[in-house]
Amino acid sequence: MSDRQLVIAGFVTVLIVAVAAAVVSRWQRAKVASLGEVVDNLTGPRTLRLVAVALWGVLGWHFLAR
């Protein structure tokens, strides 16, 4: 497996875990935060907004640079 395939597999794994967490949050409201609540918490403080933008840039770089 090449490095590129490994990175893509990692991002796909993260996406699958995020979707699974979103589904679980719909069923068990009190135990797991919904995707909207997570985004609200991430974009609240300025530092976390900068981290979110940096992660979004890294994601775009890996998938759109080639």
Protein backbone atom coordinates (compact mmCIF):
# COMPACT_ATOMS: atom_id res chain seq x y z
CA MET A 1 0.00 0.00 0.00
CA SER A 2 1.42 3.37 -1.00
CA ASP A 3 1.59 6.38 1.32
CA ARG A 4 -1.20 8.11 -0.61
CA GLN A 5 -3.51 5.11 -0.28
CA LEU A 6 -2.73 4.91 3.43
CA VAL A 7 -3.62 8.58 3.96
CA ILE A 8 -6.85 8.20 2.00
CA ALA A 9 -7.74 5.09 4.00
CA GLY A 10 -7.12 7.04 7.20
CA PHE A 11 -9.41 9.87 6.11
CA VAL A 12 -12.09 7.39 5.05
CA THR A 13 -11.82 5.75 8.47
CA VAL A 14 -12.24 9.11 10.20
CA LEU A 15 -15.26 9.86 8.00
CA ILE A 16 -16.87 6.50 8.83
CA VAL A 17 -16.31 7.07 12.56
CA ALA A 18 -17.82 10.57 12.28
CA VAL A 19 -20.91 9.26 10.49
CA ALA A 20 -21.27 6.46 13.04
CA ALA A 21 -21.01 8.99 15.89
CA ALA A 22 -23.68 11.15 14.22
CA VAL A 23 -26.01 8.17 13.96
CA VAL A 24 -25.40 7.19 17.58
CA SER A 25 -26.02 10.78 18.68
CA ARG A 26 -29.48 10.63 17.10
CA TRP A 27 -30.34 7.48 19.05
CA GLN A 28 -28.70 8.29 22.37
CA ARG A 29 -29.16 12.04 22.69
CA ALA A 30 -27.85 12.43 26.22
CA LYS A 31 -24.64 10.41 25.84
CA VAL A 32 -23.09 11.60 22.55
CA ALA A 33 -23.04 15.14 21.18
CA SER A 34 -24.56 15.70 17.74
CA LEU A 35 -22.48 16.92 14.82
CA GLY A 36 -24.02 20.39 15.12
CA GLU A 37 -23.10 20.63 18.78
CA VAL A 38 -19.54 19.54 18.04
CA VAL A 39 -19.19 22.16 15.27
CA ASP A 40 -20.62 24.83 17.58
CA ASN A 41 -18.07 23.91 20.25
CA LEU A 42 -15.21 23.85 17.74
CA THR A 43 -16.04 27.23 16.23
CA GLY A 44 -16.63 29.00 19.54
CA PRO A 45 -13.19 30.03 20.80
CA ARG A 46 -10.84 31.74 18.34
CA THR A 47 -8.04 29.20 18.81
CA LEU A 48 -10.31 26.29 17.97
CA ARG A 49 -11.59 28.11 14.87
CA LEU A 50 -7.99 28.47 13.68
CA VAL A 51 -7.34 24.78 14.33
CA ALA A 52 -10.51 23.85 12.42
CA VAL A 53 -9.44 25.98 9.44
CA ALA A 54 -5.95 24.45 9.52
CA LEU A 55 -7.36 20.91 9.57
CA TRP A 56 -9.72 21.77 6.72
CA GLY A 57 -6.70 23.06 4.76
CA VAL A 58 -4.73 19.87 5.39
CA LEU A 59 -7.70 17.80 4.27
CA GLY A 60 -8.01 19.86 1.09
CA TRP A 61 -4.29 19.67 0.44
CA HIS A 62 -4.27 15.88 0.63
CA PHE A 63 -7.24 15.39 -1.66
CA LEU A 64 -6.98 18.33 -4.08
CA ALA A 65 -3.21 18.78 -4.54
CA ARG A 66 -2.86 16.03 -7.10
